[in-house]
Amino acid sequence: MDVSGQWNWVFFGFGVAYTALTLFATSIAVRIARARRRLGEGT
């Protein structure tokens, strides 16, 4: 396996990890926003 192919896999792995972390953070942010809105309406 040549070096260029290895780097392609490395960048591919970073891209997948970055996308997964972004989606995870977005879902958490949405969940927090909904909880805050619910608490705001409750008071």
PDB file of N, CA and C in Angstrom:
ATOM      1  N   MET A   1       0.857  -1.199   0.000  1.00  0.00           N
ATOM      2  CA  MET A   1       0.000   0.000   0.000  1.00  0.00           C
ATOM      3  C   MET A   1       0.892   1.248   0.000  1.00  0.00           C
ATOM      4  N   ASP A   2       0.660   2.128  -0.931  1.00  0.00           N
ATOM      5  CA  ASP A   2       1.524   3.311  -1.035  1.00  0.00           C
ATOM      6  C   ASP A   2       1.126   4.363  -0.006  1.00  0.00           C
ATOM      7  N   VAL A   3       1.997   5.359   0.139  1.00  0.00           N
ATOM      8  CA  VAL A   3       1.773   6.374   1.172  1.00  0.00           C
ATOM      9  C   VAL A   3       0.552   7.228   0.844  1.00  0.00           C
ATOM     10  N   SER A   4       0.365   7.557  -0.435  1.00  0.00           N
ATOM     11  CA  SER A   4      -0.759   8.431  -0.799  1.00  0.00           C
ATOM     12  C   SER A   4      -2.087   7.766  -0.447  1.00  0.00           C
ATOM     13  N   GLY A   5      -2.209   6.474  -0.709  1.00  0.00           N
ATOM     14  CA  GLY A   5      -3.443   5.773  -0.361  1.00  0.00           C
ATOM     15  C   GLY A   5      -3.666   5.756   1.139  1.00  0.00           C
ATOM     16  N   GLN A   6      -2.558   5.615   1.878  1.00  0.00           N
ATOM     17  CA  GLN A   6      -2.686   5.612   3.337  1.00  0.00           C
ATOM     18  C   GLN A   6      -3.202   6.961   3.828  1.00  0.00           C
ATOM     19  N   TRP A   7      -2.690   8.039   3.262  1.00  0.00           N
ATOM     20  CA  TRP A   7      -3.144   9.371   3.680  1.00  0.00           C
ATOM     21  C   TRP A   7      -4.609   9.584   3.304  1.00  0.00           C
ATOM     22  N   ASN A   8      -5.032   9.010   2.167  1.00  0.00           N
ATOM     23  CA  ASN A   8      -6.436   9.133   1.786  1.00  0.00           C
ATOM     24  C   ASN A   8      -7.322   8.493   2.853  1.00  0.00           C
ATOM     25  N   TRP A   9      -6.909   7.328   3.363  1.00  0.00           N
ATOM     26  CA  TRP A   9      -7.693   6.671   4.406  1.00  0.00           C
ATOM     27  C   TRP A   9      -7.685   7.489   5.691  1.00  0.00           C
ATOM     28  N   VAL A  10      -6.542   8.116   5.996  1.00  0.00           N
ATOM     29  CA  VAL A  10      -6.452   8.931   7.214  1.00  0.00           C
ATOM     30  C   VAL A  10      -7.416  10.111   7.132  1.00  0.00           C
ATOM     31  N   PHE A  11      -7.402  10.804   5.984  1.00  0.00           N
ATOM     32  CA  PHE A  11      -8.309  11.949   5.829  1.00  0.00           C
ATOM     33  C   PHE A  11      -9.758  11.488   5.831  1.00  0.00           C
ATOM     34  N   PHE A  12     -10.026  10.328   5.232  1.00  0.00           N
ATOM     35  CA  PHE A  12     -11.389   9.793   5.226  1.00  0.00           C
ATOM     36  C   PHE A  12     -11.859   9.521   6.659  1.00  0.00           C
ATOM     37  N   GLY A  13     -10.968   8.941   7.473  1.00  0.00           N
ATOM     38  CA  GLY A  13     -11.329   8.661   8.859  1.00  0.00           C
ATOM     39  C   GLY A  13     -11.605   9.935   9.644  1.00  0.00           C
ATOM     40  N   PHE A  14     -10.751  10.954   9.425  1.00  0.00           N
ATOM     41  CA  PHE A  14     -10.977  12.229  10.116  1.00  0.00           C
ATOM     42  C   PHE A  14     -12.301  12.855   9.679  1.00  0.00           C
ATOM     43  N   GLY A  15     -12.626  12.750   8.406  1.00  0.00           N
ATOM     44  CA  GLY A  15     -13.881  13.316   7.900  1.00  0.00           C
ATOM     45  C   GLY A  15     -15.086  12.644   8.539  1.00  0.00           C
ATOM     46  N   VAL A  16     -15.028  11.316   8.636  1.00  0.00           N
ATOM     47  CA  VAL A  16     -16.145  10.590   9.238  1.00  0.00           C
ATOM     48  C   VAL A  16     -16.281  10.949  10.717  1.00  0.00           C
ATOM     49  N   ALA A  17     -15.146  11.005  11.421  1.00  0.00           N
ATOM     50  CA  ALA A  17     -15.186  11.329  12.847  1.00  0.00           C
ATOM     51  C   ALA A  17     -15.710  12.749  13.060  1.00  0.00           C
ATOM     52  N   TYR A  18     -15.257  13.683  12.215  1.00  0.00           N
ATOM     53  CA  TYR A  18     -15.693  15.072  12.352  1.00  0.00           C
ATOM     54  C   TYR A  18     -17.195  15.189  12.107  1.00  0.00           C
ATOM     55  N   THR A  19     -17.698  14.476  11.077  1.00  0.00           N
ATOM     56  CA  THR A  19     -19.129  14.517  10.782  1.00  0.00           C
ATOM     57  C   THR A  19     -19.929  13.931  11.944  1.00  0.00           C
ATOM     58  N   ALA A  20     -19.456  12.811  12.492  1.00  0.00           N
ATOM     59  CA  ALA A  20     -20.175  12.172  13.596  1.00  0.00           C
ATOM     60  C   ALA A  20     -20.213  13.093  14.815  1.00  0.00           C
ATOM     61  N   LEU A  21     -19.080  13.718  15.132  1.00  0.00           N
ATOM     62  CA  LEU A  21     -19.036  14.621  16.289  1.00  0.00           C
ATOM     63  C   LEU A  21     -19.946  15.824  16.072  1.00  0.00           C
ATOM     64  N   THR A  22     -19.987  16.343  14.836  1.00  0.00           N
ATOM     65  CA  THR A  22     -20.838  17.501  14.552  1.00  0.00           C
ATOM     66  C   THR A  22     -22.307  17.136  14.738  1.00  0.00           C
ATOM     67  N   LEU A  23     -22.708  15.977  14.204  1.00  0.00           N
ATOM     68  CA  LEU A  23     -24.103  15.556  14.357  1.00  0.00           C
ATOM     69  C   LEU A  23     -24.428  15.324  15.834  1.00  0.00           C
ATOM     70  N   PHE A  24     -23.480  14.734  16.576  1.00  0.00           N
ATOM     71  CA  PHE A  24     -23.699  14.466  17.997  1.00  0.00           C
ATOM     72  C   PHE A  24     -23.872  15.769  18.768  1.00  0.00           C
ATOM     73  N   ALA A  25     -23.009  16.746  18.494  1.00  0.00           N
ATOM     74  CA  ALA A  25     -23.091  18.033  19.188  1.00  0.00           C
ATOM     75  C   ALA A  25     -24.384  18.751  18.829  1.00  0.00           C
ATOM     76  N   THR A  26     -24.794  18.649  17.556  1.00  0.00           N
ATOM     77  CA  THR A  26     -26.028  19.308  17.129  1.00  0.00           C
ATOM     78  C   THR A  26     -27.230  18.703  17.845  1.00  0.00           C
ATOM     79  N   SER A  27     -27.269  17.374  17.946  1.00  0.00           N
ATOM     80  CA  SER A  27     -28.401  16.731  18.615  1.00  0.00           C
ATOM     81  C   SER A  27     -28.453  17.136  20.085  1.00  0.00           C
ATOM     82  N   ILE A  28     -27.291  17.242  20.726  1.00  0.00           N
ATOM     83  CA  ILE A  28     -27.265  17.657  22.137  1.00  0.00           C
ATOM     84  C   ILE A  28     -27.749  19.098  22.270  1.00  0.00           C
ATOM     85  N   ALA A  29     -27.311  19.975  21.349  1.00  0.00           N
ATOM     86  CA  ALA A  29     -27.724  21.379  21.413  1.00  0.00           C
ATOM     87  C   ALA A  29     -29.233  21.495  21.242  1.00  0.00           C
ATOM     88  N   VAL A  30     -29.796  20.729  20.313  1.00  0.00           N
ATOM     89  CA  VAL A  30     -31.246  20.767  20.094  1.00  0.00           C
ATOM     90  C   VAL A  30     -31.969  20.270  21.342  1.00  0.00           C
ATOM     91  N   ARG A  31     -31.422  19.210  21.953  1.00  0.00           N
ATOM     92  CA  ARG A  31     -32.066  18.656  23.145  1.00  0.00           C
ATOM     93  C   ARG A  31     -32.054  19.672  24.280  1.00  0.00           C
ATOM     94  N   ILE A  32     -30.928  20.372  24.449  1.00  0.00           N
ATOM     95  CA  ILE A  32     -30.825  21.382  25.508  1.00  0.00           C
ATOM     96  C   ILE A  32     -31.784  22.542  25.227  1.00  0.00           C
ATOM     97  N   ALA A  33     -31.871  22.953  23.967  1.00  0.00           N
ATOM     98  CA  ALA A  33     -32.756  24.066  23.616  1.00  0.00           C
ATOM     99  C   ALA A  33     -34.203  23.696  23.913  1.00  0.00           C
ATOM    100  N   ARG A  34     -34.594  22.464  23.586  1.00  0.00           N
ATOM    101  CA  ARG A  34     -35.968  22.040  23.857  1.00  0.00           C
ATOM    102  C   ARG A  34     -36.230  22.002  25.355  1.00  0.00           C
ATOM    103  N   ALA A  35     -35.258  21.527  26.126  1.00  0.00           N
ATOM    104  CA  ALA A  35     -35.435  21.446  27.579  1.00  0.00           C
ATOM    105  C   ALA A  35     -35.580  22.844  28.163  1.00  0.00           C
ATOM    106  N   ARG A  36     -34.749  23.779  27.697  1.00  0.00           N
ATOM    107  CA  ARG A  36     -34.846  25.154  28.204  1.00  0.00           C
ATOM    108  C   ARG A  36     -36.196  25.760  27.845  1.00  0.00           C
ATOM    109  N   ARG A  37     -36.650  25.525  26.611  1.00  0.00           N
ATOM    110  CA  ARG A  37     -37.935  26.083  26.198  1.00  0.00           C
ATOM    111  C   ARG A  37     -39.045  25.502  27.068  1.00  0.00           C
ATOM    112  N   ARG A  38     -38.951  24.206  27.357  1.00  0.00           N
ATOM    113  CA  ARG A  38     -39.969  23.560  28.178  1.00  0.00           C
ATOM    114  C   ARG A  38     -39.953  24.146  29.588  1.00  0.00           C
ATOM    115  N   LEU A  39     -38.757  24.357  30.144  1.00  0.00           N
ATOM    116  CA  LEU A  39     -38.652  24.936  31.486  1.00  0.00           C
ATOM    117  C   LEU A  39     -39.183  26.366  31.486  1.00  0.00           C
ATOM    118  N   GLY A  40     -38.904  27.112  30.416  1.00  0.00           N
ATOM    119  CA  GLY A  40     -39.370  28.494  30.334  1.00  0.00           C
ATOM    120  C   GLY A  40     -40.884  28.564  30.294  1.00  0.00           C
ATOM    121  N   GLU A  41     -41.504  27.622  29.579  1.00  0.00           N
ATOM    122  CA  GLU A  41     -42.960  27.627  29.504  1.00  0.00           C
ATOM    123  C   GLU A  41     -43.572  27.172  30.824  1.00  0.00           C
ATOM    124  N   GLY A  42     -42.867  26.316  31.552  1.00  0.00           N
ATOM    125  CA  GLY A  42     -43.409  25.777  32.799  1.00  0.00           C
ATOM    126  C   GLY A  42     -43.525  26.835  33.873  1.00  0.00           C
ATOM    127  N   THR A  43     -42.628  27.795  33.901  1.00  0.00           N
ATOM    128  CA  THR A  43     -42.659  28.804  34.964  1.00  0.00           C
ATOM    129  C   THR A  43     -43.786  29.782  34.734  1.00  0.00           C
TER     130      THR A  43
END
